[in-house]
Amino acid sequence: MIYQVTNIRFDFTDSEEEISIEEQTDLNDEVINTIWEADDEEDLVEEITCAYGWCISAIDYRHVLS
């Protein structure tokens, strides 16, 4: 299935690595502007987590029809 993330919130407190507000915004924008292919919502979360290395605390998305 093809997904477009419409809103995402990463858990930036779950790491010792510091990330600026600007970097957080850029990361969110990059995820939202990418079309994702995944089997289901769980796989979508896993794909994004693996791609960016941050845990996701909330996500909204829509299915993209071909």
Protein backbone atom coordinates (compact mmCIF):
# COMPACT_ATOMS: atom_id res chain seq x y z
CA MET A 1 0.00 0.00 0.00
CA ILE A 2 1.06 3.57 -0.60
CA TYR A 3 0.84 6.13 2.22
CA GLN A 4 1.27 9.86 2.61
CA VAL A 5 1.96 11.05 6.14
CA THR A 6 -0.14 14.10 6.97
CA ASN A 7 1.19 14.69 10.49
CA ILE A 8 3.91 13.08 12.57
CA ARG A 9 5.38 13.54 16.03
CA PHE A 10 8.71 11.97 16.89
CA ASP A 11 9.83 11.26 20.44
CA PHE A 12 12.93 13.44 20.50
CA THR A 13 13.23 13.00 24.30
CA ASP A 14 13.98 9.28 23.93
CA SER A 15 17.67 9.86 23.18
CA GLU A 16 20.74 11.53 24.56
CA GLU A 17 21.29 13.11 21.13
CA GLU A 18 20.34 16.79 20.98
CA ILE A 19 18.27 18.00 18.03
CA SER A 20 17.32 21.62 17.45
CA ILE A 21 13.76 22.81 16.82
CA GLU A 22 14.78 23.68 13.25
CA GLU A 23 16.11 20.14 12.70
CA GLN A 24 12.91 18.69 14.17
CA THR A 25 10.80 20.80 11.80
CA ASP A 26 12.94 19.82 8.81
CA LEU A 27 12.64 16.14 9.72
CA ASN A 28 8.86 16.36 10.07
CA ASP A 29 8.59 18.20 6.72
CA GLU A 30 10.75 15.61 4.99
CA VAL A 31 8.61 12.73 6.24
CA ILE A 32 5.39 14.51 5.24
CA ASN A 33 6.74 15.27 1.75
CA THR A 34 7.68 11.62 1.09
CA ILE A 35 5.38 8.96 -0.31
CA TRP A 36 5.83 5.73 1.68
CA GLU A 37 5.22 2.13 0.66
CA ALA A 38 4.31 -0.24 3.49
CA ASP A 39 2.14 -3.28 4.16
CA ASP A 40 0.10 -1.65 6.95
CA GLU A 41 0.30 1.06 9.64
CA GLU A 42 2.73 -0.94 11.78
CA ASP A 43 5.04 -1.43 8.80
CA LEU A 44 4.75 2.29 7.94
CA VAL A 45 5.89 3.25 11.44
CA GLU A 46 8.76 0.74 11.21
CA GLU A 47 9.84 2.06 7.79
CA ILE A 48 9.97 5.66 9.04
CA THR A 49 11.68 4.72 12.31
CA CYS A 50 14.35 2.76 10.45
CA ALA A 51 14.86 5.55 7.90
CA TYR A 52 15.31 8.33 10.48
CA GLY A 53 16.28 6.58 13.70
CA TRP A 54 13.69 8.28 15.93
CA CYS A 55 10.72 6.63 17.62
CA ILE A 56 7.30 7.90 16.58
CA SER A 57 4.87 9.01 19.27
CA ALA A 58 1.97 9.93 16.92
CA ILE A 59 1.24 9.64 13.22
CA ASP A 60 -1.59 10.56 10.87
CA TYR A 61 -1.61 9.40 7.28
CA ARG A 62 -3.78 8.76 4.26
CA HIS A 63 -3.80 5.97 1.72
CA VAL A 64 -2.76 7.06 -1.76
CA LEU A 65 -4.82 5.38 -4.44
CA SER A 66 -3.08 4.42 -7.67
